[in-house]
Amino acid sequence: MNKVILSGNLTRDPEVRYTQSGTAYAKMGIAVNRPYTSKNTEGQPTVDFFNMTSWGKQAEFCGRYLKKGSSVILEGRVENDNYEDKNGVKHYSVNIMVERIEFAGKKASSGEGGGSYNSGGESNTNSNYDDNSEDVDVPF
């Protein structure tokens, strides 16, 4: 089974492009903290960086609603992008193919928060998202 779930912040704005056949794809990066490992020499938590690709309507969703710094949770699979350049040098990289992505942070002024998109084509944008939890009376 090839399944990965990551939670982190986007390291750059999604870059949406289209194939010759008109299918959208978005390239993004994510930074994921490793909270249960020792800190690096500067006393900062260790961070892993991954490249990600999203396809179709989900890619358009990412381009429209996500930006650098957005907190997201995603589900996907790992793919190796290995190739040999014209000089015969092998290059190795890992790419996360996004199958589902959701907002994980607080609602921003741009309307971010409370939404998700999965590769099955379902958009789940919660327009009733309210981050004013102090204004709510809890009955217990």
Protein backbone atom coordinates (compact mmCIF):
# COMPACT_ATOMS: atom_id res chain seq x y z
CA MET A 1 0.00 0.00 0.00
CA ASN A 2 1.31 3.47 -0.90
CA LYS A 3 -0.51 6.03 1.28
CA VAL A 4 0.76 9.16 3.00
CA ILE A 5 -0.98 11.72 5.23
CA LEU A 6 0.81 15.00 5.89
CA SER A 7 0.00 18.11 7.86
CA GLY A 8 2.00 21.28 7.32
CA ASN A 9 2.26 24.68 5.66
CA LEU A 10 2.68 25.45 1.98
CA THR A 11 6.16 26.76 1.17
CA ARG A 12 5.05 28.53 -2.02
CA ASP A 13 1.89 29.52 -3.87
CA PRO A 14 0.43 26.68 -5.96
CA GLU A 15 1.58 26.98 -9.57
CA VAL A 16 -1.32 25.93 -11.79
CA ARG A 17 -0.60 24.91 -15.39
CA TYR A 18 -2.46 22.96 -18.05
CA THR A 19 -1.44 19.98 -20.18
CA GLN A 20 -1.86 20.14 -23.96
CA SER A 21 -5.14 18.28 -23.54
CA GLY A 22 -6.40 20.95 -21.10
CA THR A 23 -6.04 19.07 -17.79
CA ALA A 24 -5.02 21.31 -14.90
CA TYR A 25 -2.19 20.42 -12.57
CA ALA A 26 -0.73 22.34 -9.62
CA LYS A 27 2.81 22.12 -8.25
CA MET A 28 3.26 23.06 -4.58
CA GLY A 29 5.62 22.52 -1.68
CA ILE A 30 4.88 21.66 1.94
CA ALA A 31 6.92 21.97 5.13
CA VAL A 32 6.17 19.37 7.79
CA ASN A 33 7.52 19.65 11.36
CA ARG A 34 8.88 16.59 13.13
CA PRO A 35 7.66 17.32 16.67
CA TYR A 36 8.94 14.11 18.27
CA THR A 37 12.60 14.42 17.25
CA SER A 38 15.46 16.37 18.73
CA LYS A 39 16.01 19.96 17.75
CA ASN A 40 18.70 20.94 15.26
CA THR A 41 21.91 22.77 16.18
CA GLU A 42 20.14 26.17 16.18
CA GLY A 43 17.48 24.90 18.61
CA GLN A 44 14.77 24.79 15.93
CA PRO A 45 12.52 21.78 15.34
CA THR A 46 13.45 19.58 12.40
CA VAL A 47 11.40 20.25 9.26
CA ASP A 48 10.94 18.05 6.19
CA PHE A 49 10.12 19.59 2.81
CA PHE A 50 8.15 17.78 0.10
CA ASN A 51 7.10 18.65 -3.44
CA MET A 52 3.47 17.92 -4.28
CA THR A 53 1.35 17.68 -7.41
CA SER A 54 -2.41 17.92 -7.65
CA TRP A 55 -4.49 17.25 -10.79
CA GLY A 56 -7.80 18.29 -12.37
CA LYS A 57 -10.44 20.27 -10.49
CA GLN A 58 -8.49 19.76 -7.29
CA ALA A 59 -5.51 21.59 -8.85
CA GLU A 60 -7.77 24.51 -9.77
CA PHE A 61 -9.15 24.51 -6.20
CA CYS A 62 -5.59 24.68 -4.83
CA GLY A 63 -4.68 27.54 -7.15
CA ARG A 64 -7.79 29.48 -6.21
CA TYR A 65 -7.88 29.01 -2.43
CA LEU A 66 -4.39 28.11 -1.19
CA LYS A 67 -1.32 30.32 -0.88
CA LYS A 68 2.14 30.27 0.65
CA GLY A 69 1.80 29.70 4.38
CA SER A 70 -1.62 27.99 4.19
CA SER A 71 -1.99 25.21 6.75
CA VAL A 72 -3.22 22.03 5.07
CA ILE A 73 -3.77 18.35 5.71
CA LEU A 74 -3.40 16.12 2.70
CA GLU A 75 -3.74 12.51 1.74
CA GLY A 76 -1.90 11.06 -1.21
CA ARG A 77 0.76 8.68 -2.47
CA VAL A 78 4.52 8.86 -2.87
CA GLU A 79 6.11 8.72 -6.33
CA ASN A 80 9.79 8.66 -7.24
CA ASP A 81 10.88 11.10 -9.94
CA ASN A 82 14.20 9.62 -11.03
CA TYR A 83 15.97 10.54 -14.25
CA GLU A 84 19.37 10.66 -15.87
CA ASP A 85 20.54 13.98 -17.37
CA LYS A 86 22.42 14.43 -20.65
CA ASN A 87 25.76 14.07 -18.80
CA GLY A 88 24.79 10.67 -17.42
CA VAL A 89 24.23 11.92 -13.86
CA LYS A 90 21.29 10.29 -12.06
CA HIS A 91 18.91 12.56 -10.17
CA TYR A 92 16.53 11.30 -7.50
CA SER A 93 13.54 13.08 -6.00
CA VAL A 94 10.28 12.25 -4.26
CA ASN A 95 6.92 13.78 -5.15
CA ILE A 96 3.64 13.52 -3.25
CA MET A 97 0.66 12.98 -5.58
CA VAL A 98 -2.24 14.68 -3.75
CA GLU A 99 -5.50 12.74 -3.67
CA ARG A 100 -7.27 14.88 -1.06
CA ILE A 101 -6.42 18.21 0.55
CA GLU A 102 -8.10 20.21 3.33
CA PHE A 103 -7.58 23.53 5.04
CA ALA A 104 -6.17 23.06 8.53
CA GLY A 105 -5.77 26.62 9.80
CA LYS A 106 -8.02 29.36 10.98
CA LYS A 107 -10.26 31.21 8.57
CA ALA A 108 -8.36 34.02 6.84
CA SER A 109 -9.80 37.24 5.44
CA SER A 110 -9.52 35.78 1.93
CA GLY A 111 -12.09 33.13 2.83
CA GLU A 112 -9.61 30.37 3.66
CA GLY A 113 -10.72 27.81 6.20
CA GLY A 114 -13.27 25.07 6.48
CA GLY A 115 -12.89 23.68 2.97
CA SER A 116 -11.49 20.64 1.27
CA TYR A 117 -11.23 19.02 -2.13
CA ASN A 118 -10.59 15.43 -3.02
CA SER A 119 -9.72 13.87 -6.33
CA GLY A 120 -13.18 12.34 -6.50
CA GLY A 121 -14.42 15.80 -7.47
CA GLU A 122 -16.17 16.72 -4.24
CA SER A 123 -15.71 20.22 -2.89
CA ASN A 124 -16.53 20.69 0.76
CA THR A 125 -16.40 24.41 1.43
CA ASN A 126 -18.03 25.34 4.70
CA SER A 127 -19.32 28.88 4.26
CA ASN A 128 -20.68 28.86 7.83
CA TYR A 129 -17.22 28.53 9.35
CA ASP A 130 -16.99 30.82 12.39
CA ASP A 131 -13.81 31.25 14.40
CA ASN A 132 -15.45 33.33 17.15
CA SER A 133 -15.63 30.53 19.70
CA GLU A 134 -15.63 33.06 22.58
CA ASP A 135 -19.08 34.29 21.49
CA VAL A 136 -20.73 30.90 21.98
CA ASP A 137 -22.40 29.92 25.28
CA VAL A 138 -21.63 26.32 26.14
CA PRO A 139 -24.49 24.65 28.10
CA PHE A 140 -22.22 22.75 30.51
